[in-house]
């Protein structure tokens, strides 16, 4: 009997091909990078390697640190941009069948 080892893909599938309607930690980082202007609004990060995504995460975290990691601390323009980007993603994910249950299953 042979065993097939599953490995993680070497390249990111891209924001448009995400599971859970794009409500994954990586997708949220990409949206935050867009909020802070670190990547273009059309960037999906498709084909990026782990090192590139890790560097993006570090940069996003540096920006969030300036605001105490709270949306309410963002300047008005960034807060509105955050609301628009994440609100659109939330709406699209909901329409695709995402309900948020996976994120809260362990809280019951």
C-alpha atoms as a PDB file:
ATOM      1  CA  UNK A   1       0.000   0.000   0.000  1.00  0.00           C
ATOM      2  CA  UNK A   2       1.511   3.306  -1.024  1.00  0.00           C
ATOM      3  CA  UNK A   3       1.005   6.514   0.874  1.00  0.00           C
ATOM      4  CA  UNK A   4       0.621   9.763  -0.997  1.00  0.00           C
ATOM      5  CA  UNK A   5       2.110  12.639   0.921  1.00  0.00           C
ATOM      6  CA  UNK A   6       0.231  15.888   0.644  1.00  0.00           C
ATOM      7  CA  UNK A   7       2.393  18.949   0.498  1.00  0.00           C
ATOM      8  CA  UNK A   8       1.509  22.589   0.576  1.00  0.00           C
ATOM      9  CA  UNK A   9       1.575  24.287  -2.792  1.00  0.00           C
ATOM     10  CA  UNK A  10       4.743  26.231  -3.501  1.00  0.00           C
ATOM     11  CA  UNK A  11       2.789  29.156  -4.913  1.00  0.00           C
ATOM     12  CA  UNK A  12      -0.259  31.004  -3.626  1.00  0.00           C
ATOM     13  CA  UNK A  13      -3.453  30.350  -5.618  1.00  0.00           C
ATOM     14  CA  UNK A  14      -4.442  34.002  -5.669  1.00  0.00           C
ATOM     15  CA  UNK A  15      -7.152  36.021  -4.010  1.00  0.00           C
ATOM     16  CA  UNK A  16      -9.675  35.191  -6.750  1.00  0.00           C
ATOM     17  CA  UNK A  17      -9.217  31.441  -6.231  1.00  0.00           C
ATOM     18  CA  UNK A  18      -9.335  31.361  -2.433  1.00  0.00           C
ATOM     19  CA  UNK A  19     -11.438  28.939  -0.415  1.00  0.00           C
ATOM     20  CA  UNK A  20     -14.180  30.129   1.937  1.00  0.00           C
ATOM     21  CA  UNK A  21     -15.049  33.024  -0.332  1.00  0.00           C
ATOM     22  CA  UNK A  22     -11.675  34.599   0.356  1.00  0.00           C
ATOM     23  CA  UNK A  23     -12.142  34.739   4.111  1.00  0.00           C
ATOM     24  CA  UNK A  24      -8.795  33.186   4.952  1.00  0.00           C
ATOM     25  CA  UNK A  25      -5.897  34.680   6.914  1.00  0.00           C
ATOM     26  CA  UNK A  26      -3.806  35.159   3.759  1.00  0.00           C
ATOM     27  CA  UNK A  27      -6.668  36.850   1.909  1.00  0.00           C
ATOM     28  CA  UNK A  28      -7.241  39.189   4.852  1.00  0.00           C
ATOM     29  CA  UNK A  29      -3.552  40.145   4.820  1.00  0.00           C
ATOM     30  CA  UNK A  30      -3.761  40.888   1.098  1.00  0.00           C
ATOM     31  CA  UNK A  31      -6.825  43.098   1.630  1.00  0.00           C
ATOM     32  CA  UNK A  32      -5.052  44.927   4.464  1.00  0.00           C
ATOM     33  CA  UNK A  33      -2.053  45.451   2.176  1.00  0.00           C
ATOM     34  CA  UNK A  34      -4.431  47.098  -0.277  1.00  0.00           C
ATOM     35  CA  UNK A  35      -5.872  49.276   2.498  1.00  0.00           C
ATOM     36  CA  UNK A  36      -2.384  50.561   3.316  1.00  0.00           C
ATOM     37  CA  UNK A  37      -1.425  50.992  -0.339  1.00  0.00           C
ATOM     38  CA  UNK A  38       1.317  48.366  -0.153  1.00  0.00           C
ATOM     39  CA  UNK A  39       0.029  46.618  -3.270  1.00  0.00           C
ATOM     40  CA  UNK A  40      -2.177  47.747  -6.117  1.00  0.00           C
ATOM     41  CA  UNK A  41      -5.931  47.288  -5.786  1.00  0.00           C
ATOM     42  CA  UNK A  42      -5.875  44.831  -8.693  1.00  0.00           C
ATOM     43  CA  UNK A  43      -3.109  42.635  -7.217  1.00  0.00           C
ATOM     44  CA  UNK A  44      -4.303  39.125  -6.306  1.00  0.00           C
ATOM     45  CA  UNK A  45      -0.850  37.780  -5.329  1.00  0.00           C
ATOM     46  CA  UNK A  46      -1.480  34.761  -7.551  1.00  0.00           C
ATOM     47  CA  UNK A  47       1.761  32.849  -8.005  1.00  0.00           C
ATOM     48  CA  UNK A  48       3.521  34.507  -5.073  1.00  0.00           C
ATOM     49  CA  UNK A  49       5.804  32.290  -3.031  1.00  0.00           C
ATOM     50  CA  UNK A  50       5.722  31.955   0.744  1.00  0.00           C
ATOM     51  CA  UNK A  51       8.612  34.375   1.213  1.00  0.00           C
ATOM     52  CA  UNK A  52       6.783  37.090  -0.709  1.00  0.00           C
ATOM     53  CA  UNK A  53       3.600  36.615   1.311  1.00  0.00           C
ATOM     54  CA  UNK A  54       5.625  36.557   4.526  1.00  0.00           C
ATOM     55  CA  UNK A  55       7.311  39.841   3.610  1.00  0.00           C
ATOM     56  CA  UNK A  56       3.883  41.341   2.854  1.00  0.00           C
ATOM     57  CA  UNK A  57       2.619  40.165   6.247  1.00  0.00           C
ATOM     58  CA  UNK A  58       5.568  41.838   7.976  1.00  0.00           C
ATOM     59  CA  UNK A  59       4.877  45.097   6.152  1.00  0.00           C
ATOM     60  CA  UNK A  60       1.135  44.947   6.921  1.00  0.00           C
ATOM     61  CA  UNK A  61       1.919  44.301  10.596  1.00  0.00           C
ATOM     62  CA  UNK A  62       4.265  47.307  10.707  1.00  0.00           C
ATOM     63  CA  UNK A  63       1.460  49.500   9.391  1.00  0.00           C
ATOM     64  CA  UNK A  64      -1.099  48.079  11.835  1.00  0.00           C
ATOM     65  CA  UNK A  65       1.325  48.631  14.725  1.00  0.00           C
ATOM     66  CA  UNK A  66       1.176  52.375  14.025  1.00  0.00           C
ATOM     67  CA  UNK A  67      -2.544  52.276  14.822  1.00  0.00           C
ATOM     68  CA  UNK A  68      -2.545  49.823  17.719  1.00  0.00           C
ATOM     69  CA  UNK A  69      -4.003  47.142  15.424  1.00  0.00           C
ATOM     70  CA  UNK A  70      -7.434  48.800  15.670  1.00  0.00           C
ATOM     71  CA  UNK A  71      -9.557  49.912  12.746  1.00  0.00           C
ATOM     72  CA  UNK A  72     -11.006  52.621  14.983  1.00  0.00           C
ATOM     73  CA  UNK A  73      -7.520  54.180  15.270  1.00  0.00           C
ATOM     74  CA  UNK A  74      -7.076  54.499  11.510  1.00  0.00           C
ATOM     75  CA  UNK A  75      -7.304  57.990  10.014  1.00  0.00           C
ATOM     76  CA  UNK A  76     -10.687  58.603   8.382  1.00  0.00           C
ATOM     77  CA  UNK A  77      -9.459  57.969   4.832  1.00  0.00           C
ATOM     78  CA  UNK A  78      -7.848  54.643   5.748  1.00  0.00           C
ATOM     79  CA  UNK A  79     -10.815  53.623   7.886  1.00  0.00           C
ATOM     80  CA  UNK A  80     -13.151  54.249   4.953  1.00  0.00           C
ATOM     81  CA  UNK A  81     -10.824  52.376   2.610  1.00  0.00           C
ATOM     82  CA  UNK A  82     -10.747  49.443   5.067  1.00  0.00           C
ATOM     83  CA  UNK A  83     -14.539  49.443   5.280  1.00  0.00           C
ATOM     84  CA  UNK A  84     -14.892  49.483   1.503  1.00  0.00           C
ATOM     85  CA  UNK A  85     -12.322  46.769   0.749  1.00  0.00           C
ATOM     86  CA  UNK A  86     -13.281  44.389   3.536  1.00  0.00           C
ATOM     87  CA  UNK A  87     -17.000  45.131   3.170  1.00  0.00           C
ATOM     88  CA  UNK A  88     -16.924  44.215  -0.512  1.00  0.00           C
ATOM     89  CA  UNK A  89     -15.022  41.004   0.292  1.00  0.00           C
ATOM     90  CA  UNK A  90     -17.483  40.130   3.052  1.00  0.00           C
ATOM     91  CA  UNK A  91     -20.415  40.647   0.688  1.00  0.00           C
ATOM     92  CA  UNK A  92     -18.808  38.546  -2.071  1.00  0.00           C
ATOM     93  CA  UNK A  93     -17.904  35.759   0.381  1.00  0.00           C
ATOM     94  CA  UNK A  94     -21.430  35.690   1.781  1.00  0.00           C
ATOM     95  CA  UNK A  95     -22.858  35.458  -1.737  1.00  0.00           C
ATOM     96  CA  UNK A  96     -20.432  32.573  -2.406  1.00  0.00           C
ATOM     97  CA  UNK A  97     -21.803  30.679   0.612  1.00  0.00           C
ATOM     98  CA  UNK A  98     -19.363  31.669   3.349  1.00  0.00           C
ATOM     99  CA  UNK A  99     -21.052  32.091   6.722  1.00  0.00           C
ATOM    100  CA  UNK A 100     -18.191  32.534   9.196  1.00  0.00           C
ATOM    101  CA  UNK A 101     -19.014  29.318  11.025  1.00  0.00           C
ATOM    102  CA  UNK A 102     -15.518  27.894  10.532  1.00  0.00           C
ATOM    103  CA  UNK A 103     -14.039  30.853  12.376  1.00  0.00           C
ATOM    104  CA  UNK A 104     -16.339  30.425  15.381  1.00  0.00           C
ATOM    105  CA  UNK A 105     -16.748  26.614  15.595  1.00  0.00           C
ATOM    106  CA  UNK A 106     -14.290  26.364  18.490  1.00  0.00           C
ATOM    107  CA  UNK A 107     -16.115  29.027  20.518  1.00  0.00           C
ATOM    108  CA  UNK A 108     -19.134  26.849  21.280  1.00  0.00           C
END
